[in-house]
C-alpha atoms as a PDB file:
ATOM      1  CA  MET A   1     245.816  -1.591 -12.832  1.00  0.00           C
ATOM      2  CA  GLN A   2     248.220   0.873 -14.542  1.00  0.00           C
ATOM      3  CA  THR A   3     248.214   0.826 -18.214  1.00  0.00           C
ATOM      4  CA  LEU A   4     251.302   0.565 -20.040  1.00  0.00           C
ATOM      5  CA  LEU A   5     250.830   3.526 -21.221  1.00  0.00           C
ATOM      6  CA  GLU A   6     250.801   4.540 -17.339  1.00  0.00           C
ATOM      7  CA  LYS A   7     254.161   2.958 -16.295  1.00  0.00           C
ATOM      8  CA  GLN A   8     256.282   3.945 -20.072  1.00  0.00           C
ATOM      9  CA  VAL A   9     254.692   7.900 -19.577  1.00  0.00           C
ATOM     10  CA  PRO A  10     253.429   8.857 -16.710  1.00  0.00           C
ATOM     11  CA  ASP A  11     253.106  12.308 -16.717  1.00  0.00           C
ATOM     12  CA  ALA A  12     249.001  12.447 -17.613  1.00  0.00           C
ATOM     13  CA  ALA A  13     249.330  15.319 -20.212  1.00  0.00           C
ATOM     14  CA  THR A  14     252.009  13.742 -22.296  1.00  0.00           C
ATOM     15  CA  ARG A  15     249.781  10.682 -22.163  1.00  0.00           C
ATOM     16  CA  GLN A  16     246.669  12.667 -23.299  1.00  0.00           C
ATOM     17  CA  LYS A  17     248.817  14.078 -26.418  1.00  0.00           C
ATOM     18  CA  TRP A  18     249.611  10.865 -27.352  1.00  0.00           C
ATOM     19  CA  LEU A  19     246.421   9.468 -27.263  1.00  0.00           C
ATOM     20  CA  LYS A  20     245.112  11.848 -29.231  1.00  0.00           C
ATOM     21  CA  ILE A  21     247.903  11.614 -31.864  1.00  0.00           C
ATOM     22  CA  ALA A  22     247.163   7.987 -32.538  1.00  0.00           C
ATOM     23  CA  SER A  23     244.034   8.108 -32.323  1.00  0.00           C
ATOM     24  CA  ASP A  24     242.674  11.219 -34.689  1.00  0.00           C
ATOM     25  CA  LYS A  25     242.436  10.218 -38.633  1.00  0.00           C
ATOM     26  CA  ASP A  26     242.699  12.944 -39.615  1.00  0.00           C
ATOM     27  CA  MET A  27     246.187  14.287 -38.867  1.00  0.00           C
ATOM     28  CA  SER A  28     248.663  14.555 -41.604  1.00  0.00           C
ATOM     29  CA  ILE A  29     251.795  13.035 -41.585  1.00  0.00           C
ATOM     30  CA  MET A  30     253.655  15.897 -40.848  1.00  0.00           C
ATOM     31  CA  ASP A  31     251.376  16.832 -38.152  1.00  0.00           C
ATOM     32  CA  LEU A  32     252.798  14.252 -36.461  1.00  0.00           C
ATOM     33  CA  ARG A  33     256.080  14.543 -36.977  1.00  0.00           C
ATOM     34  CA  GLN A  34     255.703  17.247 -35.112  1.00  0.00           C
ATOM     35  CA  HIS A  35     254.789  16.506 -31.886  1.00  0.00           C
ATOM     36  CA  ILE A  36     257.064  12.495 -32.483  1.00  0.00           C
ATOM     37  CA  ILE A  37     259.953  13.434 -34.242  1.00  0.00           C
ATOM     38  CA  SER A  38     260.429  10.716 -36.716  1.00  0.00           C
ATOM     39  CA  LYS A  39     258.539  10.184 -40.009  1.00  0.00           C
ATOM     40  CA  ASP A  40     258.959   6.795 -39.706  1.00  0.00           C
ATOM     41  CA  VAL A  41     257.215   6.011 -36.620  1.00  0.00           C
ATOM     42  CA  ALA A  42     254.674   8.986 -36.812  1.00  0.00           C
ATOM     43  CA  LYS A  43     253.111   6.892 -40.056  1.00  0.00           C
ATOM     44  CA  VAL A  44     253.378   3.464 -37.921  1.00  0.00           C
ATOM     45  CA  VAL A  45     251.546   4.979 -35.302  1.00  0.00           C
ATOM     46  CA  PHE A  46     249.254   6.627 -37.564  1.00  0.00           C
ATOM     47  CA  GLY A  47     248.625   3.573 -39.393  1.00  0.00           C
ATOM     48  CA  LEU A  48     247.803   1.343 -36.485  1.00  0.00           C
ATOM     49  CA  SER A  49     245.612   4.662 -35.370  1.00  0.00           C
ATOM     50  CA  ARG A  50     243.088   3.114 -37.950  1.00  0.00           C
ATOM     51  CA  LEU A  51     243.592  -0.923 -38.585  1.00  0.00           C
ATOM     52  CA  SER A  52     243.434  -1.009 -34.196  1.00  0.00           C
ATOM     53  CA  HIS A  53     239.983  -0.087 -32.578  1.00  0.00           C
ATOM     54  CA  ASP A  54     241.418  -1.854 -29.293  1.00  0.00           C
ATOM     55  CA  ARG A  55     242.011   0.594 -26.846  1.00  0.00           C
ATOM     56  CA  GLN A  56     245.186  -1.080 -25.283  1.00  0.00           C
ATOM     57  CA  GLN A  57     246.503  -1.847 -28.682  1.00  0.00           C
ATOM     58  CA  LEU A  58     246.071   1.577 -29.453  1.00  0.00           C
ATOM     59  CA  GLU A  59     247.866   2.605 -26.594  1.00  0.00           C
ATOM     60  CA  GLU A  60     250.678  -0.366 -26.238  1.00  0.00           C
ATOM     61  CA  ALA A  61     251.778   1.057 -30.100  1.00  0.00           C
ATOM     62  CA  ALA A  62     252.325   4.454 -28.534  1.00  0.00           C
ATOM     63  CA  ALA A  63     253.814   3.374 -25.275  1.00  0.00           C
ATOM     64  CA  GLY A  64     256.590   1.318 -27.832  1.00  0.00           C
ATOM     65  CA  VAL A  65     257.231   4.224 -29.995  1.00  0.00           C
ATOM     66  CA  TYR A  66     257.276   6.229 -27.021  1.00  0.00           C
ATOM     67  CA  LYS A  67     259.996   3.816 -25.430  1.00  0.00           C
ATOM     68  CA  ASN A  68     262.212   3.740 -28.636  1.00  0.00           C
ATOM     69  CA  LEU A  69     261.907   7.738 -28.571  1.00  0.00           C
ATOM     70  CA  SER A  70     262.935   8.475 -24.926  1.00  0.00           C
ATOM     71  CA  GLU A  71     265.770   5.300 -24.250  1.00  0.00           C
ATOM     72  CA  PRO A  72     269.085   6.721 -26.033  1.00  0.00           C
ATOM     73  CA  SER A  73     270.751   3.585 -28.441  1.00  0.00           C
ATOM     74  CA  ALA A  74     273.644   1.702 -26.569  1.00  0.00           C
ATOM     75  CA  GLN A  75     275.652   1.812 -29.670  1.00  0.00           C
ATOM     76  CA  PRO A  76     276.403   4.735 -31.659  1.00  0.00           C
ATOM     77  CA  ARG A  77     273.375   4.764 -35.327  1.00  0.00           C
ATOM     78  CA  LYS A  78     275.508   3.713 -38.498  1.00  0.00           C
ATOM     79  CA  ALA A  79     275.473   5.876 -41.464  1.00  0.00           C
ATOM     80  CA  ASP A  80     272.259   4.312 -44.164  1.00  0.00           C
ATOM     81  CA  LEU A  81     271.226   4.086 -47.254  1.00  0.00           C
ATOM     82  CA  CYS A  82     268.340   5.612 -48.187  1.00  0.00           C
ATOM     83  CA  SER A  83     266.192   7.346 -50.642  1.00  0.00           C
ATOM     84  CA  ALA A  84     264.594  10.540 -50.942  1.00  0.00           C
ATOM     85  CA  GLN A  85     261.275   9.914 -52.905  1.00  0.00           C
ATOM     86  CA  LYS A  86     258.803  12.823 -54.415  1.00  0.00           C
ATOM     87  CA  MET A  87     255.298  12.559 -53.520  1.00  0.00           C
ATOM     88  CA  GLU A  88     252.619  12.722 -56.472  1.00  0.00           C
ATOM     89  CA  ALA A  89     249.996  15.012 -54.924  1.00  0.00           C
ATOM     90  CA  GLY A  90     246.680  14.868 -54.114  1.00  0.00           C
ATOM     91  CA  CYS A  91     247.009  11.074 -53.603  1.00  0.00           C
ATOM     92  CA  VAL A  92     246.263   8.786 -50.615  1.00  0.00           C
ATOM     93  CA  SER A  93     247.613   5.950 -50.052  1.00  0.00           C
ATOM     94  CA  LEU A  94     245.696   2.069 -50.653  1.00  0.00           C
ATOM     95  CA  ASP A  95     246.417   1.186 -47.048  1.00  0.00           C
ATOM     96  CA  GLU A  96     243.505   4.721 -46.748  1.00  0.00           C
ATOM     97  CA  LEU A  97     240.864   3.504 -48.900  1.00  0.00           C
ATOM     98  CA  ALA A  98     241.450  -0.565 -47.588  1.00  0.00           C
ATOM     99  CA  TYR A  99     240.230   0.217 -44.566  1.00  0.00           C
ATOM    100  CA  SER A 100     238.234   2.969 -44.774  1.00  0.00           C
ATOM    101  CA  GLU A 101     234.796   2.429 -43.194  1.00  0.00           C
ATOM    102  CA  ASN A 102     233.524   3.328 -46.256  1.00  0.00           C
ATOM    103  CA  GLN A 103     234.389   0.576 -48.261  1.00  0.00           C
ATOM    104  CA  THR A 104     232.846   1.729 -51.388  1.00  0.00           C
ATOM    105  CA  GLU A 105     235.725   3.559 -52.449  1.00  0.00           C
ATOM    106  CA  LEU A 106     237.497   0.361 -53.568  1.00  0.00           C
ATOM    107  CA  GLU A 107     234.761   0.110 -56.083  1.00  0.00           C
ATOM    108  CA  ARG A 108     236.072   3.186 -57.854  1.00  0.00           C
ATOM    109  CA  ILE A 109     239.303   1.393 -58.882  1.00  0.00           C
ATOM    110  CA  PRO A 110     239.342   0.348 -61.965  1.00  0.00           C
ATOM    111  CA  GLN A 111     239.932  -3.351 -62.590  1.00  0.00           C
ATOM    112  CA  VAL A 112     242.698  -1.834 -65.441  1.00  0.00           C
ATOM    113  CA  GLU A 113     244.071   0.087 -62.546  1.00  0.00           C
ATOM    114  CA  LEU A 114     244.396  -3.651 -59.917  1.00  0.00           C
ATOM    115  CA  GLU A 115     246.236  -5.200 -62.678  1.00  0.00           C
ATOM    116  CA  LYS A 116     249.532  -2.592 -62.896  1.00  0.00           C
ATOM    117  CA  PHE A 117     250.158  -4.832 -59.560  1.00  0.00           C
ATOM    118  CA  LEU A 118     251.506  -7.884 -61.547  1.00  0.00           C
ATOM    119  CA  VAL A 119     254.414  -5.882 -62.031  1.00  0.00           C
ATOM    120  CA  ASP A 120     254.977  -7.218 -58.596  1.00  0.00           C
ATOM    121  CA  CYS A 121     254.761 -10.908 -59.847  1.00  0.00           C
ATOM    122  CA  MET A 122     257.432 -10.081 -62.685  1.00  0.00           C
ATOM    123  CA  LEU A 123     259.886  -7.792 -60.228  1.00  0.00           C
ATOM    124  CA  PHE A 124     259.459 -10.722 -57.657  1.00  0.00           C
ATOM    125  CA  ASN A 125     258.548  -7.493 -55.036  1.00  0.00           C
ATOM    126  CA  MET A 126     258.907  -8.635 -51.618  1.00  0.00           C
ATOM    127  CA  ASP A 127     257.903  -5.457 -50.009  1.00  0.00           C
ATOM    128  CA  ARG A 128     254.196  -4.442 -52.171  1.00  0.00           C
ATOM    129  CA  HIS A 129     251.991  -3.526 -48.898  1.00  0.00           C
ATOM    130  CA  LEU A 130     248.935  -1.417 -49.545  1.00  0.00           C
ATOM    131  CA  GLY A 131     251.050   1.138 -48.291  1.00  0.00           C
ATOM    132  CA  ASN A 132     253.608   1.140 -51.234  1.00  0.00           C
ATOM    133  CA  ALA A 133     250.635   2.380 -53.596  1.00  0.00           C
ATOM    134  CA  LEU A 134     249.036   5.793 -53.744  1.00  0.00           C
ATOM    135  CA  ALA A 135     244.977   6.227 -55.035  1.00  0.00           C
ATOM    136  CA  ARG A 136     244.598   9.049 -57.085  1.00  0.00           C
ATOM    137  CA  LYS A 137     241.226  10.151 -57.802  1.00  0.00           C
ATOM    138  CA  ILE A 138     240.553  10.560 -61.244  1.00  0.00           C
ATOM    139  CA  THR A 139     237.239  12.677 -62.883  1.00  0.00           C
ATOM    140  CA  LEU A 140     235.164  12.318 -66.191  1.00  0.00           C
ATOM    141  CA  SER A 141     236.691  15.349 -67.283  1.00  0.00           C
ATOM    142  CA  GLU A 142     239.451  15.185 -66.533  1.00  0.00           C
ATOM    143  CA  ILE A 143     239.989  11.369 -68.618  1.00  0.00           C
ATOM    144  CA  ALA A 144     238.297  12.825 -71.561  1.00  0.00           C
ATOM    145  CA  SER A 145     240.791  16.224 -71.324  1.00  0.00           C
ATOM    146  CA  ARG A 146     243.712  13.664 -71.549  1.00  0.00           C
ATOM    147  CA  ILE A 147     242.584  11.517 -74.234  1.00  0.00           C
ATOM    148  CA  PRO A 148     243.259  13.690 -77.016  1.00  0.00           C
ATOM    149  CA  GLY A 149     246.863  13.186 -78.568  1.00  0.00           C
ATOM    150  CA  ALA A 150     247.229  10.493 -75.510  1.00  0.00           C
ATOM    151  CA  SER A 151     249.969   7.684 -76.724  1.00  0.00           C
ATOM    152  CA  GLU A 152     247.877   4.072 -77.992  1.00  0.00           C
ATOM    153  CA  ALA A 153     247.911   2.595 -75.015  1.00  0.00           C
ATOM    154  CA  GLU A 154     247.746   5.138 -72.318  1.00  0.00           C
ATOM    155  CA  ARG A 155     244.527   5.691 -74.694  1.00  0.00           C
ATOM    156  CA  GLU A 156     243.317   2.710 -73.957  1.00  0.00           C
ATOM    157  CA  ARG A 157     243.594   2.825 -70.349  1.00  0.00           C
ATOM    158  CA  LEU A 158     242.020   6.141 -70.003  1.00  0.00           C
ATOM    159  CA  LEU A 159     238.653   4.993 -71.679  1.00  0.00           C
ATOM    160  CA  ALA A 160     239.051   2.208 -69.675  1.00  0.00           C
ATOM    161  CA  LEU A 161     238.347   4.009 -66.916  1.00  0.00           C
ATOM    162  CA  GLU A 162     235.568   6.369 -67.579  1.00  0.00           C
ATOM    163  CA  GLN A 163     234.061   3.084 -68.642  1.00  0.00           C
ATOM    164  CA  HIS A 164     234.054   1.779 -65.383  1.00  0.00           C
ATOM    165  CA  ALA A 165     232.856   5.446 -63.862  1.00  0.00           C
ATOM    166  CA  LYS A 166     230.238   4.742 -66.270  1.00  0.00           C
ATOM    167  CA  ASN A 167     229.316   1.426 -65.771  1.00  0.00           C
ATOM    168  CA  ILE A 168     229.163   2.527 -61.429  1.00  0.00           C
ATOM    169  CA  GLY A 169     227.135   5.660 -62.293  1.00  0.00           C
ATOM    170  CA  SER A 170     230.665   7.778 -60.710  1.00  0.00           C
ATOM    171  CA  THR A 171     231.723  11.245 -61.487  1.00  0.00           C
ATOM    172  CA  TYR A 172     235.441   9.879 -60.981  1.00  0.00           C
ATOM    173  CA  VAL A 173     237.337   6.819 -59.886  1.00  0.00           C
ATOM    174  CA  TYR A 174     241.227   6.494 -58.732  1.00  0.00           C
ATOM    175  CA  GLU A 175     244.306   5.641 -60.780  1.00  0.00           C
ATOM    176  CA  LEU A 176     247.322   3.574 -58.933  1.00  0.00           C
ATOM    177  CA  ILE A 177     250.560   4.406 -58.806  1.00  0.00           C
ATOM    178  CA  LEU A 178     253.038   1.687 -57.772  1.00  0.00           C
ATOM    179  CA  ILE A 179     255.536   3.562 -55.439  1.00  0.00           C
ATOM    180  CA  ASP A 180     258.945   2.187 -53.386  1.00  0.00           C
ATOM    181  CA  HIS A 181     260.459  -0.906 -55.727  1.00  0.00           C
ATOM    182  CA  GLY A 182     263.031  -0.946 -53.462  1.00  0.00           C
ATOM    183  CA  THR A 183     263.192  -4.819 -52.731  1.00  0.00           C
ATOM    184  CA  THR A 184     262.781  -6.235 -55.659  1.00  0.00           C
ATOM    185  CA  ILE A 185     264.803  -8.741 -58.875  1.00  0.00           C
ATOM    186  CA  PRO A 186     266.344 -10.491 -55.343  1.00  0.00           C
ATOM    187  CA  ASP A 187     269.028 -14.150 -56.038  1.00  0.00           C
ATOM    188  CA  GLN A 188     269.386 -16.704 -53.921  1.00  0.00           C
ATOM    189  CA  LYS A 189     271.310 -14.573 -51.418  1.00  0.00           C
ATOM    190  CA  PHE A 190     267.675 -13.685 -49.784  1.00  0.00           C
ATOM    191  CA  SER A 191     267.582 -16.026 -46.421  1.00  0.00           C
ATOM    192  CA  ASP A 192     264.005 -15.382 -46.884  1.00  0.00           C
ATOM    193  CA  LEU A 193     262.880 -15.147 -50.385  1.00  0.00           C
ATOM    194  CA  THR A 194     259.420 -14.639 -49.819  1.00  0.00           C
ATOM    195  CA  ALA A 195     256.633 -12.603 -52.467  1.00  0.00           C
ATOM    196  CA  LYS A 196     254.993 -10.124 -50.262  1.00  0.00           C
ATOM    197  CA  MET A 197     251.383  -9.782 -52.711  1.00  0.00           C
ATOM    198  CA  GLU A 198     248.780  -7.788 -49.450  1.00  0.00           C
ATOM    199  CA  TRP A 199     246.712  -7.490 -52.672  1.00  0.00           C
ATOM    200  CA  ARG A 200     245.885 -10.139 -53.447  1.00  0.00           C
ATOM    201  CA  ALA A 201     243.167  -9.497 -50.333  1.00  0.00           C
ATOM    202  CA  LEU A 202     241.207  -7.381 -51.846  1.00  0.00           C
ATOM    203  CA  ASP A 203     237.924  -8.720 -53.951  1.00  0.00           C
ATOM    204  CA  GLN A 204     238.934  -7.882 -56.766  1.00  0.00           C
ATOM    205  CA  THR A 205     242.122  -9.678 -57.906  1.00  0.00           C
ATOM    206  CA  GLU A 206     239.670 -12.250 -57.889  1.00  0.00           C
ATOM    207  CA  LYS A 207     238.130 -11.721 -60.994  1.00  0.00           C
ATOM    208  CA  PRO A 208     239.173 -12.829 -64.453  1.00  0.00           C
ATOM    209  CA  LEU A 209     242.279 -10.565 -65.713  1.00  0.00           C
ATOM    210  CA  SER A 210     240.687  -8.115 -68.531  1.00  0.00           C
ATOM    211  CA  ALA A 211     241.913  -8.259 -72.251  1.00  0.00           C
ATOM    212  CA  THR A 212     243.309  -6.108 -72.464  1.00  0.00           C
ATOM    213  CA  THR A 213     246.145  -6.874 -69.648  1.00  0.00           C
ATOM    214  CA  LYS A 214     246.569 -10.953 -70.381  1.00  0.00           C
ATOM    215  CA  ARG A 215     246.920  -9.741 -74.127  1.00  0.00           C
ATOM    216  CA  ARG A 216     250.086  -7.608 -73.264  1.00  0.00           C
ATOM    217  CA  ILE A 217     251.409  -9.929 -70.840  1.00  0.00           C
ATOM    218  CA  LEU A 218     251.675 -12.331 -72.916  1.00  0.00           C
ATOM    219  CA  GLU A 219     252.779  -9.906 -75.891  1.00  0.00           C
ATOM    220  CA  LEU A 220     255.945  -9.654 -73.513  1.00  0.00           C
ATOM    221  CA  ASP A 221     259.098  -9.867 -75.417  1.00  0.00           C
ATOM    222  CA  LEU A 222     261.005 -10.884 -72.207  1.00  0.00           C
ATOM    223  CA  ALA A 223     265.184 -11.326 -72.743  1.00  0.00           C
ATOM    224  CA  ALA A 224     264.497  -7.531 -74.178  1.00  0.00           C
ATOM    225  CA  ILE A 225     262.823  -6.922 -70.288  1.00  0.00           C
ATOM    226  CA  VAL A 226     265.542  -7.834 -68.555  1.00  0.00           C
ATOM    227  CA  GLN A 227     267.923  -6.896 -71.128  1.00  0.00           C
ATOM    228  CA  LYS A 228     266.693  -3.470 -70.710  1.00  0.00           C
ATOM    229  CA  VAL A 229     266.974  -3.485 -66.787  1.00  0.00           C
ATOM    230  CA  ARG A 230     270.266  -4.698 -66.913  1.00  0.00           C
ATOM    231  CA  GLU A 231     271.290  -1.675 -69.484  1.00  0.00           C
ATOM    232  CA  ASP A 232     269.009   0.821 -66.965  1.00  0.00           C
ATOM    233  CA  GLN A 233     271.134  -0.783 -64.087  1.00  0.00           C
ATOM    234  CA  GLY A 234     274.665  -0.462 -65.385  1.00  0.00           C
ATOM    235  CA  ILE A 235     273.798   3.024 -65.614  1.00  0.00           C
ATOM    236  CA  PHE A 236     272.739   3.528 -62.008  1.00  0.00           C
ATOM    237  CA  GLU A 237     275.856   1.689 -60.964  1.00  0.00           C
ATOM    238  CA  ALA A 238     278.378   3.671 -63.119  1.00  0.00           C
ATOM    239  CA  LYS A 239     276.642   6.531 -61.650  1.00  0.00           C
ATOM    240  CA  PHE A 240     275.592   6.008 -57.615  1.00  0.00           C
ATOM    241  CA  GLY A 241     278.966   3.066 -57.438  1.00  0.00           C
ATOM    242  CA  SER A 242     278.821  -0.308 -56.867  1.00  0.00           C
ATOM    243  CA  PHE A 243     276.480  -0.658 -54.694  1.00  0.00           C
ATOM    244  CA  CYS A 244     273.312  -0.252 -57.009  1.00  0.00           C
ATOM    245  CA  SER A 245     274.671  -3.405 -59.255  1.00  0.00           C
ATOM    246  CA  VAL A 246     272.240  -6.237 -59.421  1.00  0.00           C
ATOM    247  CA  SER A 247     273.683 -10.368 -59.816  1.00  0.00           C
ATOM    248  CA  ASP A 248     273.703 -12.116 -63.007  1.00  0.00           C
ATOM    249  CA  GLU A 249     271.635 -14.858 -60.866  1.00  0.00           C
ATOM    250  CA  ALA A 250     269.260 -12.153 -60.158  1.00  0.00           C
ATOM    251  CA  TYR A 251     268.474 -12.122 -63.518  1.00  0.00           C
ATOM    252  CA  SER A 252     268.390 -14.814 -64.673  1.00  0.00           C
ATOM    253  CA  PHE A 253     265.389 -14.168 -61.234  1.00  0.00           C
ATOM    254  CA  MET A 254     263.496 -12.098 -63.043  1.00  0.00           C
ATOM    255  CA  ARG A 255     263.220 -13.823 -66.062  1.00  0.00           C
ATOM    256  CA  PHE A 256     262.181 -16.964 -64.579  1.00  0.00           C
ATOM    257  CA  CYS A 257     259.367 -14.988 -62.893  1.00  0.00           C
ATOM    258  CA  CYS A 258     258.199 -13.138 -65.899  1.00  0.00           C
ATOM    259  CA  ILE A 259     257.636 -16.800 -67.349  1.00  0.00           C
ATOM    260  CA  LEU A 260     255.655 -17.104 -64.542  1.00  0.00           C
ATOM    261  CA  LEU A 261     253.551 -14.572 -64.948  1.00  0.00           C
ATOM    262  CA  GLN A 262     253.290 -15.149 -68.365  1.00  0.00           C
ATOM    263  CA  GLU A 263     251.647 -18.663 -68.124  1.00  0.00           C
ATOM    264  CA  GLY A 264     250.270 -18.014 -64.907  1.00  0.00           C
ATOM    265  CA  VAL A 265     248.133 -15.769 -67.616  1.00  0.00           C
ATOM    266  CA  ARG A 266     247.752 -18.499 -70.480  1.00  0.00           C
ATOM    267  CA  GLN A 267     246.478 -20.148 -68.216  1.00  0.00           C
ATOM    268  CA  ASP A 268     243.683 -17.799 -67.174  1.00  0.00           C
ATOM    269  CA  LYS A 269     244.377 -18.393 -63.282  1.00  0.00           C
ATOM    270  CA  THR A 270     243.564 -14.357 -61.512  1.00  0.00           C
ATOM    271  CA  MET A 271     245.736 -12.497 -60.121  1.00  0.00           C
ATOM    272  CA  PHE A 272     244.633 -13.657 -56.338  1.00  0.00           C
ATOM    273  CA  GLU A 273     245.846 -16.805 -58.409  1.00  0.00           C
ATOM    274  CA  VAL A 274     248.845 -15.517 -59.805  1.00  0.00           C
ATOM    275  CA  ALA A 275     249.832 -13.968 -56.042  1.00  0.00           C
ATOM    276  CA  GLU A 276     249.882 -17.541 -54.444  1.00  0.00           C
ATOM    277  CA  ILE A 277     252.158 -18.859 -56.834  1.00  0.00           C
ATOM    278  CA  TYR A 278     254.698 -16.642 -55.560  1.00  0.00           C
ATOM    279  CA  GLU A 279     253.932 -17.097 -52.522  1.00  0.00           C
ATOM    280  CA  ASN A 280     254.513 -20.487 -52.568  1.00  0.00           C
ATOM    281  CA  LEU A 281     256.845 -21.566 -55.178  1.00  0.00           C
ATOM    282  CA  GLU A 282     259.427 -23.760 -52.367  1.00  0.00           C
ATOM    283  CA  ALA A 283     256.086 -25.806 -52.067  1.00  0.00           C
ATOM    284  CA  SER A 284     254.885 -25.754 -55.496  1.00  0.00           C
ATOM    285  CA  GLY A 285     258.291 -26.907 -56.464  1.00  0.00           C
ATOM    286  CA  LEU A 286     258.718 -24.356 -58.847  1.00  0.00           C
ATOM    287  CA  LEU A 287     261.969 -23.044 -57.145  1.00  0.00           C
ATOM    288  CA  ALA A 288     264.159 -26.257 -57.589  1.00  0.00           C
ATOM    289  CA  ILE A 289     263.411 -24.809 -61.300  1.00  0.00           C
ATOM    290  CA  TYR A 290     264.691 -21.496 -60.098  1.00  0.00           C
ATOM    291  CA  ASP A 291     267.890 -23.484 -60.208  1.00  0.00           C
ATOM    292  CA  LYS A 292     268.154 -24.407 -63.353  1.00  0.00           C
ATOM    293  CA  ALA A 293     266.960 -20.825 -64.021  1.00  0.00           C
ATOM    294  CA  ALA A 294     270.373 -19.697 -62.817  1.00  0.00           C
ATOM    295  CA  GLN A 295     272.307 -21.782 -64.747  1.00  0.00           C
ATOM    296  CA  ALA A 296     269.852 -21.340 -68.177  1.00  0.00           C
ATOM    297  CA  LYS A 297     272.213 -19.662 -70.537  1.00  0.00           C
ATOM    298  CA  GLU A 298     271.068 -20.556 -74.084  1.00  0.00           C
ATOM    299  CA  ALA A 299     267.375 -19.652 -75.342  1.00  0.00           C
ATOM    300  CA  GLU A 300     266.645 -23.408 -75.492  1.00  0.00           C
ATOM    301  CA  ALA A 301     266.987 -23.818 -71.645  1.00  0.00           C
ATOM    302  CA  TRP A 302     264.924 -21.799 -71.262  1.00  0.00           C
ATOM    303  CA  ILE A 303     262.280 -23.174 -73.650  1.00  0.00           C
ATOM    304  CA  SER A 304     262.200 -25.950 -70.848  1.00  0.00           C
ATOM    305  CA  ILE A 305     262.291 -24.559 -68.429  1.00  0.00           C
ATOM    306  CA  GLN A 306     259.080 -22.763 -69.306  1.00  0.00           C
ATOM    307  CA  LYS A 307     257.793 -25.958 -70.654  1.00  0.00           C
ATOM    308  CA  LEU A 308     258.002 -27.192 -66.752  1.00  0.00           C
ATOM    309  CA  ILE A 309     257.130 -24.488 -65.392  1.00  0.00           C
ATOM    310  CA  SER A 310     253.896 -24.239 -67.511  1.00  0.00           C
ATOM    311  CA  GLU A 311     253.447 -28.112 -66.515  1.00  0.00           C
ATOM    312  CA  ILE A 312     253.770 -27.121 -62.221  1.00  0.00           C
ATOM    313  CA  LEU A 313     251.298 -24.950 -62.899  1.00  0.00           C
ATOM    314  CA  ALA A 314     248.129 -26.813 -65.045  1.00  0.00           C
ATOM    315  CA  THR A 315     248.745 -29.843 -62.126  1.00  0.00           C
ATOM    316  CA  GLN A 316     247.463 -26.996 -59.173  1.00  0.00           C
ATOM    317  CA  ARG A 317     244.938 -25.853 -61.740  1.00  0.00           C
ATOM    318  CA  LYS A 318     243.953 -30.123 -61.375  1.00  0.00           C
ATOM    319  CA  GLU A 319     244.246 -30.274 -57.496  1.00  0.00           C
END
């Protein structure tokens, strides 16, 4: 019986090339691009090769990619708006660590680095998969060299990295670099207002927040943060056009999300529990409060909204 790949790619030599491309874990994205044209498609196949141990599933994935690249589109392609991103040197994606055979590498990510993901809560990130976070190895000697002259906040972070390395008896740890924030700060016009925070699957997210992160979140001036984002976005809109514009409703939703984060932290919720709040807004009744937030103009209205959020989150903890 023919496999799907044999049906789609009759030539045996071509099939073998594709299977090698799809299963070679050491092949870089750029190497893959030379074989299958599309870098985005290469990334999909490369990812499946790491995650799938099922040969049939792997063959079907390769066949599907081949079919999509081989068949001409019935409709002419339209120009799409896209972004170009400069890659950080010496990094691997977090999903490579998360799904690698050597799970001890995840232990080298300090708690304060994982807590960077909480920015997804402030921005209501709808596309935070583990490939949208880079992990960069940093040695104890590099940490020591960066401490002198660092800002107070950066020095505090570096000391936490240093302490984590010593605690686990390692000469290095990983610092995280979060990338790709294109699907954030939505408003009610989105048909699917659903947060995506895959990092909650990591075991470390069930630990209590560090005292440093908790303090910083509770000290945030939410109105000032939203205003700063609004001002920066105004600069981008003036430079690049109206497609960069963000609605007033979206900024209100951002402030609402920031309040959710603060209240969750105030009630000692873990990262896992905080992510759960954002992924279940409608079921918890919090989305109904957002409707009020979208109309909020005065400080008193936001105080009332914060009180309602606090009450709902407290009830969830009791349940």
